[in-house]
Amino acid sequence: MARLTTLISILVTVPLISSSIIPILSKHQQRPLSDDDDNDTPLPLIIWHGLGDNYAAEGLAEVAEIAEEVNPGTLTYMIRMDDDASQDRSATFFGNLTLQIEKVCADLAVHPILSTAPAVDALGFSQGGQFLRGYIERCNFPPVRSLVTFGSQHNGISEFQRCGTTDFLCKGAQGLLRGSTWSSFVQSRLVPAQYFRDPMQYEQYLEHSNFLADINNEREVKNQTYKENLEKLERFVMYVFEEDETVIPKETSWFSEVNGTEVTLLRDRSLYKEDWLGLKTLDKKGALKFETTKGGHMSLSESLLKKVFSDNYGPYRKNLGASGEGREDL
């Protein structure tokens, strides 16, 4: 298993949403944890996949195997909108993100193991990364200790991803996004539109964005709960793929602002300086990490994931600490 199966593709149908919960368990069933646990049982790991993927995909199963290998006894739960894998895949493209996150909050809150753990760890692939951040900000029960995101669109996208030559549904969605981005119809139904953010259309974005403008606390009235919940993280690691041509701009994975050829790094933005989300607070305590990895979007190696699992996940009382200043020089 030298390389992981690609975790990104284009979905094709409209989703249905069910409320049933079927967790994917590792080889060892994890018992509930409590605050006074002093054993080496790792925290459960929740994973939110990216656009066009589904919770039962082979690549995600391989990720769960690596989590088990690095931290034996890990319960891995794959977030899904439907137990039918094809419908779950569809929901990565069509759906209302507010309702989707509400569903995830409700599912995790009643899960017999996750809801009784003192905390969980979280891993977000592509758009799943900002969705997990939305979960943390809006409900955070069970609470997330450590969040790692790969190629996530934390500051939005200014272009929709390229479509295959014969992928007419993708091309139709792309046309819908470009022609009617800010309509209530698109903002409540087309998932990528809900994290579309073009600096040249900033006022329209603030007024109409169904998701990203809210969870990034960009509107005039700030949600203090969002800030407080994100500040509770012990570790927030953001990976950028150096050759990413799928996510435009790729610097969004570090919350950077890109306006034409001008790139404004997170630490130079008001979002950070005024600490709208608690990112400055996380940074000051050494919990915010800026990382890069070679390759295109979702080019993940087994060795990289092993390092991520070793450094950021594991037992509840593991001391994550501060492993030096995070870089932010992309």
C-alpha atoms as a PDB file:
ATOM      1  CA  MET A   1       0.000   0.000   0.000  1.00  0.00           C
ATOM      2  CA  ALA A   2       2.614   2.509  -1.175  1.00  0.00           C
ATOM      3  CA  ARG A   3       0.129   5.106  -2.344  1.00  0.00           C
ATOM      4  CA  LEU A   4      -3.458   5.740  -1.310  1.00  0.00           C
ATOM      5  CA  THR A   5      -6.391   5.603  -3.653  1.00  0.00           C
ATOM      6  CA  THR A   6      -7.296   9.076  -4.952  1.00  0.00           C
ATOM      7  CA  LEU A   7      -9.948  10.592  -2.711  1.00  0.00           C
ATOM      8  CA  ILE A   8     -11.451  13.072  -5.155  1.00  0.00           C
ATOM      9  CA  SER A   9     -13.849  12.707  -8.110  1.00  0.00           C
ATOM     10  CA  ILE A  10     -17.058  14.267  -9.443  1.00  0.00           C
ATOM     11  CA  LEU A  11     -20.493  13.184  -8.203  1.00  0.00           C
ATOM     12  CA  VAL A  12     -23.482  12.840 -10.436  1.00  0.00           C
ATOM     13  CA  THR A  13     -26.848  12.637  -8.660  1.00  0.00           C
ATOM     14  CA  VAL A  14     -29.037  14.510  -6.173  1.00  0.00           C
ATOM     15  CA  PRO A  15     -28.902  13.189  -2.587  1.00  0.00           C
ATOM     16  CA  LEU A  16     -31.399  11.923  -0.103  1.00  0.00           C
ATOM     17  CA  ILE A  17     -30.559  12.349   3.583  1.00  0.00           C
ATOM     18  CA  SER A  18     -31.132   9.646   6.144  1.00  0.00           C
ATOM     19  CA  SER A  19     -30.620   9.775   9.892  1.00  0.00           C
ATOM     20  CA  SER A  20     -29.337   6.245  10.470  1.00  0.00           C
ATOM     21  CA  ILE A  21     -25.831   5.766  11.795  1.00  0.00           C
ATOM     22  CA  ILE A  22     -23.498   2.897  10.901  1.00  0.00           C
ATOM     23  CA  PRO A  23     -19.954   3.637  12.126  1.00  0.00           C
ATOM     24  CA  ILE A  24     -16.947   2.069  10.437  1.00  0.00           C
ATOM     25  CA  LEU A  25     -15.000   0.395  13.230  1.00  0.00           C
ATOM     26  CA  SER A  26     -11.380  -0.574  13.286  1.00  0.00           C
ATOM     27  CA  LYS A  27     -10.339  -4.106  14.202  1.00  0.00           C
ATOM     28  CA  HIS A  28     -10.671  -3.356  17.928  1.00  0.00           C
ATOM     29  CA  GLN A  29     -13.967  -2.114  19.337  1.00  0.00           C
ATOM     30  CA  GLN A  30     -13.269   0.959  21.446  1.00  0.00           C
ATOM     31  CA  ARG A  31     -14.959   1.244  24.792  1.00  0.00           C
ATOM     32  CA  PRO A  32     -16.353   4.566  26.037  1.00  0.00           C
ATOM     33  CA  LEU A  33     -13.788   6.886  27.596  1.00  0.00           C
ATOM     34  CA  SER A  34     -14.155   9.146  30.599  1.00  0.00           C
ATOM     35  CA  ASP A  35     -12.309  12.187  31.860  1.00  0.00           C
ATOM     36  CA  ASP A  36     -10.393  10.186  34.438  1.00  0.00           C
ATOM     37  CA  ASP A  37      -9.062   7.604  31.971  1.00  0.00           C
ATOM     38  CA  ASP A  38      -5.328   7.104  32.306  1.00  0.00           C
ATOM     39  CA  ASN A  39      -4.870   4.295  29.771  1.00  0.00           C
ATOM     40  CA  ASP A  40      -3.477   4.517  26.274  1.00  0.00           C
ATOM     41  CA  THR A  41      -6.740   4.050  24.374  1.00  0.00           C
ATOM     42  CA  PRO A  42      -6.718   6.511  21.456  1.00  0.00           C
ATOM     43  CA  LEU A  43      -9.514   8.980  20.974  1.00  0.00           C
ATOM     44  CA  PRO A  44     -12.033   8.163  18.238  1.00  0.00           C
ATOM     45  CA  LEU A  45     -11.242   9.677  14.841  1.00  0.00           C
ATOM     46  CA  ILE A  46     -13.963  11.262  12.698  1.00  0.00           C
ATOM     47  CA  ILE A  47     -13.266  11.804   8.990  1.00  0.00           C
ATOM     48  CA  TRP A  48     -15.163  13.975   6.519  1.00  0.00           C
ATOM     49  CA  HIS A  49     -14.375  13.167   2.896  1.00  0.00           C
ATOM     50  CA  GLY A  50     -14.203  15.534  -0.057  1.00  0.00           C
ATOM     51  CA  LEU A  51     -16.142  16.422  -3.185  1.00  0.00           C
ATOM     52  CA  GLY A  52     -17.208  13.387  -5.205  1.00  0.00           C
ATOM     53  CA  ASP A  53     -16.077  10.843  -2.634  1.00  0.00           C
ATOM     54  CA  ASN A  54     -18.225   8.656  -0.380  1.00  0.00           C
ATOM     55  CA  TYR A  55     -17.833   7.318   3.130  1.00  0.00           C
ATOM     56  CA  ALA A  56     -17.401   3.703   1.953  1.00  0.00           C
ATOM     57  CA  ALA A  57     -14.647   4.460  -0.585  1.00  0.00           C
ATOM     58  CA  GLU A  58     -11.599   2.201  -0.722  1.00  0.00           C
ATOM     59  CA  GLY A  59      -9.233   5.102  -0.123  1.00  0.00           C
ATOM     60  CA  LEU A  60     -10.949   5.998   3.132  1.00  0.00           C
ATOM     61  CA  ALA A  61     -10.824   2.384   4.272  1.00  0.00           C
ATOM     62  CA  GLU A  62      -7.062   2.507   3.714  1.00  0.00           C
ATOM     63  CA  VAL A  63      -6.866   5.673   5.810  1.00  0.00           C
ATOM     64  CA  ALA A  64      -8.706   3.882   8.618  1.00  0.00           C
ATOM     65  CA  GLU A  65      -6.229   0.997   8.415  1.00  0.00           C
ATOM     66  CA  ILE A  66      -3.324   3.410   8.804  1.00  0.00           C
ATOM     67  CA  ALA A  67      -5.017   5.071  11.794  1.00  0.00           C
ATOM     68  CA  GLU A  68      -5.346   1.625  13.382  1.00  0.00           C
ATOM     69  CA  GLU A  69      -1.727   0.741  12.625  1.00  0.00           C
ATOM     70  CA  VAL A  70      -0.331   3.937  14.140  1.00  0.00           C
ATOM     71  CA  ASN A  71      -2.692   4.127  17.115  1.00  0.00           C
ATOM     72  CA  PRO A  72      -4.025   0.597  17.779  1.00  0.00           C
ATOM     73  CA  GLY A  73      -7.600   0.554  19.039  1.00  0.00           C
ATOM     74  CA  THR A  74      -8.725   3.640  17.115  1.00  0.00           C
ATOM     75  CA  LEU A  75     -12.411   3.797  16.307  1.00  0.00           C
ATOM     76  CA  THR A  76     -12.737   5.516  12.929  1.00  0.00           C
ATOM     77  CA  TYR A  77     -16.092   7.028  12.039  1.00  0.00           C
ATOM     78  CA  MET A  78     -16.706   8.180   8.475  1.00  0.00           C
ATOM     79  CA  ILE A  79     -19.146  11.064   8.302  1.00  0.00           C
ATOM     80  CA  ARG A  80     -21.901  10.501   5.766  1.00  0.00           C
ATOM     81  CA  MET A  81     -25.143  12.065   4.614  1.00  0.00           C
ATOM     82  CA  ASP A  82     -26.654   8.733   3.617  1.00  0.00           C
ATOM     83  CA  ASP A  83     -25.864   5.070   4.242  1.00  0.00           C
ATOM     84  CA  ASP A  84     -26.210   4.518   0.493  1.00  0.00           C
ATOM     85  CA  ALA A  85     -22.705   5.302  -0.783  1.00  0.00           C
ATOM     86  CA  SER A  86     -23.931   6.701  -4.102  1.00  0.00           C
ATOM     87  CA  GLN A  87     -26.319   9.075  -2.336  1.00  0.00           C
ATOM     88  CA  ASP A  88     -23.588  10.087   0.084  1.00  0.00           C
ATOM     89  CA  ARG A  89     -21.395  10.892  -2.916  1.00  0.00           C
ATOM     90  CA  SER A  90     -24.177  12.978  -4.428  1.00  0.00           C
ATOM     91  CA  ALA A  91     -24.530  14.959  -1.219  1.00  0.00           C
ATOM     92  CA  THR A  92     -20.992  16.264  -1.632  1.00  0.00           C
ATOM     93  CA  PHE A  93     -22.253  18.258  -4.587  1.00  0.00           C
ATOM     94  CA  PHE A  94     -25.952  18.918  -4.027  1.00  0.00           C
ATOM     95  CA  GLY A  95     -27.407  19.909  -0.681  1.00  0.00           C
ATOM     96  CA  ASN A  96     -27.741  22.654   1.903  1.00  0.00           C
ATOM     97  CA  LEU A  97     -24.603  22.802   4.065  1.00  0.00           C
ATOM     98  CA  THR A  98     -26.485  24.247   7.014  1.00  0.00           C
ATOM     99  CA  LEU A  99     -28.765  21.207   7.036  1.00  0.00           C
ATOM    100  CA  GLN A 100     -25.886  18.816   6.398  1.00  0.00           C
ATOM    101  CA  ILE A 101     -23.923  20.096   9.385  1.00  0.00           C
ATOM    102  CA  GLU A 102     -27.053  19.964  11.520  1.00  0.00           C
ATOM    103  CA  LYS A 103     -27.372  16.302  10.575  1.00  0.00           C
ATOM    104  CA  VAL A 104     -23.759  15.576  11.492  1.00  0.00           C
ATOM    105  CA  CYS A 105     -24.191  17.360  14.822  1.00  0.00           C
ATOM    106  CA  ALA A 106     -27.281  15.276  15.553  1.00  0.00           C
ATOM    107  CA  ASP A 107     -25.680  11.982  14.434  1.00  0.00           C
ATOM    108  CA  LEU A 108     -22.532  12.385  16.514  1.00  0.00           C
ATOM    109  CA  ALA A 109     -24.428  13.601  19.570  1.00  0.00           C
ATOM    110  CA  VAL A 110     -26.352  10.317  19.808  1.00  0.00           C
ATOM    111  CA  HIS A 111     -23.589   7.946  18.746  1.00  0.00           C
ATOM    112  CA  PRO A 112     -23.147   5.477  21.650  1.00  0.00           C
ATOM    113  CA  ILE A 113     -19.346   5.736  21.681  1.00  0.00           C
ATOM    114  CA  LEU A 114     -18.499   9.108  20.196  1.00  0.00           C
ATOM    115  CA  SER A 115     -20.967  10.940  22.433  1.00  0.00           C
ATOM    116  CA  THR A 116     -19.472   9.406  25.586  1.00  0.00           C
ATOM    117  CA  ALA A 117     -15.821  10.011  24.724  1.00  0.00           C
ATOM    118  CA  PRO A 118     -14.122  12.969  26.447  1.00  0.00           C
ATOM    119  CA  ALA A 119     -13.207  14.233  22.959  1.00  0.00           C
ATOM    120  CA  VAL A 120     -12.631  13.084  19.388  1.00  0.00           C
ATOM    121  CA  ASP A 121      -9.972  13.817  16.795  1.00  0.00           C
ATOM    122  CA  ALA A 122     -10.899  14.981  13.287  1.00  0.00           C
ATOM    123  CA  LEU A 123      -9.477  14.675   9.771  1.00  0.00           C
ATOM    124  CA  GLY A 124     -10.896  16.642   6.836  1.00  0.00           C
ATOM    125  CA  PHE A 125     -10.129  15.940   3.182  1.00  0.00           C
ATOM    126  CA  SER A 126     -10.648  18.882   0.833  1.00  0.00           C
ATOM    127  CA  GLN A 127     -14.095  20.431   1.430  1.00  0.00           C
ATOM    128  CA  GLY A 128     -14.571  18.082   4.373  1.00  0.00           C
ATOM    129  CA  GLY A 129     -12.022  20.194   6.235  1.00  0.00           C
ATOM    130  CA  GLN A 130     -14.040  23.400   6.317  1.00  0.00           C
ATOM    131  CA  PHE A 131     -17.187  21.376   6.986  1.00  0.00           C
ATOM    132  CA  LEU A 132     -15.537  19.879  10.082  1.00  0.00           C
ATOM    133  CA  ARG A 133     -14.589  23.388  11.157  1.00  0.00           C
ATOM    134  CA  GLY A 134     -18.253  24.319  10.734  1.00  0.00           C
ATOM    135  CA  TYR A 135     -19.172  21.386  12.975  1.00  0.00           C
ATOM    136  CA  ILE A 136     -16.718  22.562  15.634  1.00  0.00           C
ATOM    137  CA  GLU A 137     -17.947  26.135  15.540  1.00  0.00           C
ATOM    138  CA  ARG A 138     -21.658  25.359  15.478  1.00  0.00           C
ATOM    139  CA  CYS A 139     -22.055  22.463  17.916  1.00  0.00           C
ATOM    140  CA  ASN A 140     -18.793  20.687  18.849  1.00  0.00           C
ATOM    141  CA  PHE A 141     -20.382  17.789  20.727  1.00  0.00           C
ATOM    142  CA  PRO A 142     -18.531  15.547  21.060  1.00  0.00           C
ATOM    143  CA  PRO A 143     -15.738  18.136  21.238  1.00  0.00           C
ATOM    144  CA  VAL A 144     -12.824  17.958  18.808  1.00  0.00           C
ATOM    145  CA  ARG A 145      -9.329  17.937  20.298  1.00  0.00           C
ATOM    146  CA  SER A 146      -7.183  17.951  17.139  1.00  0.00           C
ATOM    147  CA  LEU A 147      -8.241  18.972  13.620  1.00  0.00           C
ATOM    148  CA  VAL A 148      -6.110  18.262  10.532  1.00  0.00           C
ATOM    149  CA  THR A 149      -7.217  19.419   7.085  1.00  0.00           C
ATOM    150  CA  PHE A 150      -5.769  18.550   3.669  1.00  0.00           C
ATOM    151  CA  GLY A 151      -6.300  20.941   0.768  1.00  0.00           C
ATOM    152  CA  SER A 152      -9.375  22.468   2.386  1.00  0.00           C
ATOM    153  CA  GLN A 153     -11.015  25.630   1.106  1.00  0.00           C
ATOM    154  CA  HIS A 154     -10.977  27.583   4.379  1.00  0.00           C
ATOM    155  CA  ASN A 155     -11.056  30.936   2.599  1.00  0.00           C
ATOM    156  CA  GLY A 156     -13.267  29.687  -0.211  1.00  0.00           C
ATOM    157  CA  ILE A 157     -12.727  29.170  -3.931  1.00  0.00           C
ATOM    158  CA  SER A 158     -12.761  31.742  -6.716  1.00  0.00           C
ATOM    159  CA  GLU A 159     -13.224  29.147  -9.473  1.00  0.00           C
ATOM    160  CA  PHE A 160     -15.005  25.829  -9.670  1.00  0.00           C
ATOM    161  CA  GLN A 161     -12.825  22.806 -10.426  1.00  0.00           C
ATOM    162  CA  ARG A 162     -12.268  21.691 -14.013  1.00  0.00           C
ATOM    163  CA  CYS A 163     -14.649  19.104 -15.445  1.00  0.00           C
ATOM    164  CA  GLY A 164     -13.915  16.046 -17.565  1.00  0.00           C
ATOM    165  CA  THR A 165     -14.576  16.311 -21.297  1.00  0.00           C
ATOM    166  CA  THR A 166     -17.705  14.157 -21.165  1.00  0.00           C
ATOM    167  CA  ASP A 167     -18.855  15.080 -17.662  1.00  0.00           C
ATOM    168  CA  PHE A 168     -21.846  17.148 -18.721  1.00  0.00           C
ATOM    169  CA  LEU A 169     -23.426  17.226 -15.261  1.00  0.00           C
ATOM    170  CA  CYS A 170     -20.246  18.730 -13.872  1.00  0.00           C
ATOM    171  CA  LYS A 171     -20.169  21.272 -16.682  1.00  0.00           C
ATOM    172  CA  GLY A 172     -23.822  22.120 -16.093  1.00  0.00           C
ATOM    173  CA  ALA A 173     -23.146  22.678 -12.406  1.00  0.00           C
ATOM    174  CA  GLN A 174     -20.154  24.819 -13.293  1.00  0.00           C
ATOM    175  CA  GLY A 175     -22.355  26.967 -15.509  1.00  0.00           C
ATOM    176  CA  LEU A 176     -24.931  27.241 -12.737  1.00  0.00           C
ATOM    177  CA  LEU A 177     -22.255  28.315 -10.278  1.00  0.00           C
ATOM    178  CA  ARG A 178     -20.884  30.979 -12.606  1.00  0.00           C
ATOM    179  CA  GLY A 179     -24.220  32.314 -13.802  1.00  0.00           C
ATOM    180  CA  SER A 180     -26.304  32.270 -10.618  1.00  0.00           C
ATOM    181  CA  THR A 181     -23.816  31.989  -7.767  1.00  0.00           C
ATOM    182  CA  TRP A 182     -25.615  34.312  -5.385  1.00  0.00           C
ATOM    183  CA  SER A 183     -29.205  33.251  -6.012  1.00  0.00           C
ATOM    184  CA  SER A 184     -30.994  31.675  -3.051  1.00  0.00           C
ATOM    185  CA  PHE A 185     -31.667  28.621  -5.225  1.00  0.00           C
ATOM    186  CA  VAL A 186     -27.977  27.954  -5.861  1.00  0.00           C
ATOM    187  CA  GLN A 187     -26.828  28.934  -2.365  1.00  0.00           C
ATOM    188  CA  SER A 188     -29.229  26.438  -0.794  1.00  0.00           C
ATOM    189  CA  ARG A 189     -28.553  23.559  -3.188  1.00  0.00           C
ATOM    190  CA  LEU A 190     -25.103  23.606  -4.808  1.00  0.00           C
ATOM    191  CA  VAL A 191     -22.447  22.691  -2.249  1.00  0.00           C
ATOM    192  CA  PRO A 192     -19.363  24.350  -3.858  1.00  0.00           C
ATOM    193  CA  ALA A 193     -21.329  27.580  -4.323  1.00  0.00           C
ATOM    194  CA  GLN A 194     -21.701  27.792  -0.563  1.00  0.00           C
ATOM    195  CA  TYR A 195     -17.949  28.213  -0.140  1.00  0.00           C
ATOM    196  CA  PHE A 196     -17.433  30.310  -3.274  1.00  0.00           C
ATOM    197  CA  ARG A 197     -15.639  33.541  -2.388  1.00  0.00           C
ATOM    198  CA  ASP A 198     -14.362  35.957  -5.012  1.00  0.00           C
ATOM    199  CA  PRO A 199     -12.775  39.125  -3.531  1.00  0.00           C
ATOM    200  CA  MET A 200     -14.110  41.016  -6.555  1.00  0.00           C
ATOM    201  CA  GLN A 201     -17.655  40.109  -5.444  1.00  0.00           C
ATOM    202  CA  TYR A 202     -17.107  40.508  -1.720  1.00  0.00           C
ATOM    203  CA  GLU A 203     -20.251  42.501  -0.908  1.00  0.00           C
ATOM    204  CA  GLN A 204     -22.432  39.977  -2.716  1.00  0.00           C
ATOM    205  CA  TYR A 205     -20.631  37.191  -0.878  1.00  0.00           C
ATOM    206  CA  LEU A 206     -21.267  38.788   2.520  1.00  0.00           C
ATOM    207  CA  GLU A 207     -24.946  39.275   1.713  1.00  0.00           C
ATOM    208  CA  HIS A 208     -25.771  35.956   0.104  1.00  0.00           C
ATOM    209  CA  SER A 209     -23.267  33.277   1.166  1.00  0.00           C
ATOM    210  CA  ASN A 210     -25.158  30.438   2.834  1.00  0.00           C
ATOM    211  CA  PHE A 211     -22.141  28.956   4.616  1.00  0.00           C
ATOM    212  CA  LEU A 212     -18.619  30.327   4.387  1.00  0.00           C
ATOM    213  CA  ALA A 213     -19.267  33.977   5.276  1.00  0.00           C
ATOM    214  CA  ASP A 214     -20.977  32.722   8.417  1.00  0.00           C
ATOM    215  CA  ILE A 215     -18.429  30.189   9.666  1.00  0.00           C
ATOM    216  CA  ASN A 216     -15.572  32.598   8.850  1.00  0.00           C
ATOM    217  CA  ASN A 217     -17.303  35.247  10.989  1.00  0.00           C
ATOM    218  CA  GLU A 218     -16.885  37.813   8.216  1.00  0.00           C
ATOM    219  CA  ARG A 219     -20.185  39.593   8.703  1.00  0.00           C
ATOM    220  CA  GLU A 220     -20.404  42.675  10.903  1.00  0.00           C
ATOM    221  CA  VAL A 221     -22.021  40.875  13.830  1.00  0.00           C
ATOM    222  CA  LYS A 222     -19.577  38.245  15.072  1.00  0.00           C
ATOM    223  CA  ASN A 223     -20.646  34.933  16.589  1.00  0.00           C
ATOM    224  CA  GLN A 224     -18.662  34.622  19.808  1.00  0.00           C
ATOM    225  CA  THR A 225     -19.553  30.948  20.163  1.00  0.00           C
ATOM    226  CA  TYR A 226     -17.758  30.142  16.917  1.00  0.00           C
ATOM    227  CA  LYS A 227     -14.593  31.778  18.239  1.00  0.00           C
ATOM    228  CA  GLU A 228     -14.823  30.124  21.642  1.00  0.00           C
ATOM    229  CA  ASN A 229     -15.390  26.663  20.186  1.00  0.00           C
ATOM    230  CA  LEU A 230     -12.476  26.884  17.759  1.00  0.00           C
ATOM    231  CA  GLU A 231     -10.170  28.172  20.497  1.00  0.00           C
ATOM    232  CA  LYS A 232     -10.743  24.922  22.397  1.00  0.00           C
ATOM    233  CA  LEU A 233      -8.716  22.974  19.838  1.00  0.00           C
ATOM    234  CA  GLU A 234      -5.392  21.681  21.085  1.00  0.00           C
ATOM    235  CA  ARG A 235      -4.119  21.389  17.522  1.00  0.00           C
ATOM    236  CA  PHE A 236      -5.266  22.776  14.156  1.00  0.00           C
ATOM    237  CA  VAL A 237      -3.049  21.663  11.270  1.00  0.00           C
ATOM    238  CA  MET A 238      -3.665  22.938   7.729  1.00  0.00           C
ATOM    239  CA  TYR A 239      -1.975  21.242   4.761  1.00  0.00           C
ATOM    240  CA  VAL A 240      -1.528  22.832   1.328  1.00  0.00           C
ATOM    241  CA  PHE A 241      -0.684  20.682  -1.711  1.00  0.00           C
ATOM    242  CA  GLU A 242       2.223  22.415  -3.449  1.00  0.00           C
ATOM    243  CA  GLU A 243       1.058  21.481  -6.962  1.00  0.00           C
ATOM    244  CA  ASP A 244      -2.666  21.789  -6.309  1.00  0.00           C
ATOM    245  CA  GLU A 245      -4.487  22.823  -9.493  1.00  0.00           C
ATOM    246  CA  THR A 246      -7.922  21.628  -8.392  1.00  0.00           C
ATOM    247  CA  VAL A 247      -8.486  24.087  -5.552  1.00  0.00           C
ATOM    248  CA  ILE A 248      -8.322  27.669  -6.820  1.00  0.00           C
ATOM    249  CA  PRO A 249      -6.610  29.396  -5.152  1.00  0.00           C
ATOM    250  CA  LYS A 250      -4.593  26.712  -3.380  1.00  0.00           C
ATOM    251  CA  GLU A 251      -3.559  29.262  -0.711  1.00  0.00           C
ATOM    252  CA  THR A 252      -7.112  29.103   0.635  1.00  0.00           C
ATOM    253  CA  SER A 253      -5.999  26.003   2.557  1.00  0.00           C
ATOM    254  CA  TRP A 254      -4.073  28.376   4.864  1.00  0.00           C
ATOM    255  CA  PHE A 255      -6.824  31.041   5.019  1.00  0.00           C
ATOM    256  CA  SER A 256      -4.775  33.244   2.697  1.00  0.00           C
ATOM    257  CA  GLU A 257      -6.566  35.911   0.668  1.00  0.00           C
ATOM    258  CA  VAL A 258      -5.779  35.907  -3.061  1.00  0.00           C
ATOM    259  CA  ASN A 259      -6.893  38.863  -5.162  1.00  0.00           C
ATOM    260  CA  GLY A 260      -5.469  38.584  -8.655  1.00  0.00           C
ATOM    261  CA  THR A 261      -1.729  38.148  -8.178  1.00  0.00           C
ATOM    262  CA  GLU A 262      -1.724  39.620  -4.668  1.00  0.00           C
ATOM    263  CA  VAL A 263      -1.575  37.099  -1.817  1.00  0.00           C
ATOM    264  CA  THR A 264      -2.334  38.244   1.732  1.00  0.00           C
ATOM    265  CA  LEU A 265      -1.227  35.721   4.331  1.00  0.00           C
ATOM    266  CA  LEU A 266      -3.510  34.878   7.236  1.00  0.00           C
ATOM    267  CA  ARG A 267      -1.443  36.735   9.825  1.00  0.00           C
ATOM    268  CA  ASP A 268      -1.793  39.927   7.769  1.00  0.00           C
ATOM    269  CA  ARG A 269      -5.574  39.738   7.519  1.00  0.00           C
ATOM    270  CA  SER A 270      -8.189  41.356   9.767  1.00  0.00           C
ATOM    271  CA  LEU A 271      -9.682  37.906  10.331  1.00  0.00           C
ATOM    272  CA  TYR A 272      -6.479  37.060  12.226  1.00  0.00           C
ATOM    273  CA  LYS A 273      -5.504  40.443  13.674  1.00  0.00           C
ATOM    274  CA  GLU A 274      -8.952  41.022  15.182  1.00  0.00           C
ATOM    275  CA  ASP A 275      -9.239  37.303  16.005  1.00  0.00           C
ATOM    276  CA  TRP A 276     -12.703  36.791  14.534  1.00  0.00           C
ATOM    277  CA  LEU A 277     -12.367  32.996  14.765  1.00  0.00           C
ATOM    278  CA  GLY A 278      -9.789  32.474  17.494  1.00  0.00           C
ATOM    279  CA  LEU A 279      -7.034  31.629  14.998  1.00  0.00           C
ATOM    280  CA  LYS A 280      -4.716  34.215  16.548  1.00  0.00           C
ATOM    281  CA  THR A 281      -5.358  32.705  19.962  1.00  0.00           C
ATOM    282  CA  LEU A 282      -4.564  29.231  18.637  1.00  0.00           C
ATOM    283  CA  ASP A 283      -1.415  30.552  16.980  1.00  0.00           C
ATOM    284  CA  LYS A 284      -0.168  32.258  20.143  1.00  0.00           C
ATOM    285  CA  LYS A 285      -0.440  29.024  22.118  1.00  0.00           C
ATOM    286  CA  GLY A 286       1.353  27.055  19.383  1.00  0.00           C
ATOM    287  CA  ALA A 287      -1.713  25.127  18.278  1.00  0.00           C
ATOM    288  CA  LEU A 288      -2.002  26.488  14.704  1.00  0.00           C
ATOM    289  CA  LYS A 289       0.213  24.753  12.144  1.00  0.00           C
ATOM    290  CA  PHE A 290       0.838  25.629   8.490  1.00  0.00           C
ATOM    291  CA  GLU A 291       2.113  22.617   6.522  1.00  0.00           C
ATOM    292  CA  THR A 292       2.798  21.802   2.875  1.00  0.00           C
ATOM    293  CA  THR A 293       3.056  18.508   1.044  1.00  0.00           C
ATOM    294  CA  LYS A 294       4.237  17.764  -2.477  1.00  0.00           C
ATOM    295  CA  GLY A 295       1.930  16.773  -5.306  1.00  0.00           C
ATOM    296  CA  GLY A 296      -1.469  17.682  -6.656  1.00  0.00           C
ATOM    297  CA  HIS A 297      -4.783  17.812  -4.850  1.00  0.00           C
ATOM    298  CA  MET A 298      -5.283  14.826  -2.531  1.00  0.00           C
ATOM    299  CA  SER A 299      -1.917  13.258  -3.406  1.00  0.00           C
ATOM    300  CA  LEU A 300      -1.499  11.463  -0.103  1.00  0.00           C
ATOM    301  CA  SER A 301       1.257   9.042   0.800  1.00  0.00           C
ATOM    302  CA  GLU A 302       1.122   6.411   3.496  1.00  0.00           C
ATOM    303  CA  SER A 303       4.208   7.863   5.165  1.00  0.00           C
ATOM    304  CA  LEU A 304       2.624  11.321   5.372  1.00  0.00           C
ATOM    305  CA  LEU A 305      -0.559   9.999   6.954  1.00  0.00           C
ATOM    306  CA  LYS A 306       1.422   7.941   9.443  1.00  0.00           C
ATOM    307  CA  LYS A 307       3.237  11.087  10.510  1.00  0.00           C
ATOM    308  CA  VAL A 308      -0.029  13.001  10.822  1.00  0.00           C
ATOM    309  CA  PHE A 309      -1.600  10.260  12.936  1.00  0.00           C
ATOM    310  CA  SER A 310       1.478   9.940  15.121  1.00  0.00           C
ATOM    311  CA  ASP A 311       1.925  13.671  15.702  1.00  0.00           C
ATOM    312  CA  ASN A 312      -1.682  14.779  16.138  1.00  0.00           C
ATOM    313  CA  TYR A 313      -3.831  11.883  17.291  1.00  0.00           C
ATOM    314  CA  GLY A 314      -3.751   9.152  19.919  1.00  0.00           C
ATOM    315  CA  PRO A 315      -4.663   8.779  23.618  1.00  0.00           C
ATOM    316  CA  TYR A 316      -6.772  11.390  25.368  1.00  0.00           C
ATOM    317  CA  ARG A 317      -4.001  12.444  27.713  1.00  0.00           C
ATOM    318  CA  LYS A 318      -1.327  12.574  25.034  1.00  0.00           C
ATOM    319  CA  ASN A 319       0.565  15.852  25.305  1.00  0.00           C
ATOM    320  CA  LEU A 320       0.348  17.394  21.854  1.00  0.00           C
ATOM    321  CA  GLY A 321       2.248  20.449  23.007  1.00  0.00           C
ATOM    322  CA  ALA A 322       3.744  23.045  20.690  1.00  0.00           C
ATOM    323  CA  SER A 323       6.134  21.621  18.118  1.00  0.00           C
ATOM    324  CA  GLY A 324       7.702  24.932  17.134  1.00  0.00           C
ATOM    325  CA  GLU A 325       6.365  27.886  15.166  1.00  0.00           C
ATOM    326  CA  GLY A 326       4.143  27.029  12.226  1.00  0.00           C
ATOM    327  CA  ARG A 327       5.346  28.430   8.912  1.00  0.00           C
ATOM    328  CA  GLU A 328       3.218  30.660   6.734  1.00  0.00           C
ATOM    329  CA  ASP A 329       5.295  31.563   3.723  1.00  0.00           C
ATOM    330  CA  LEU A 330       3.593  29.912   0.757  1.00  0.00           C
END
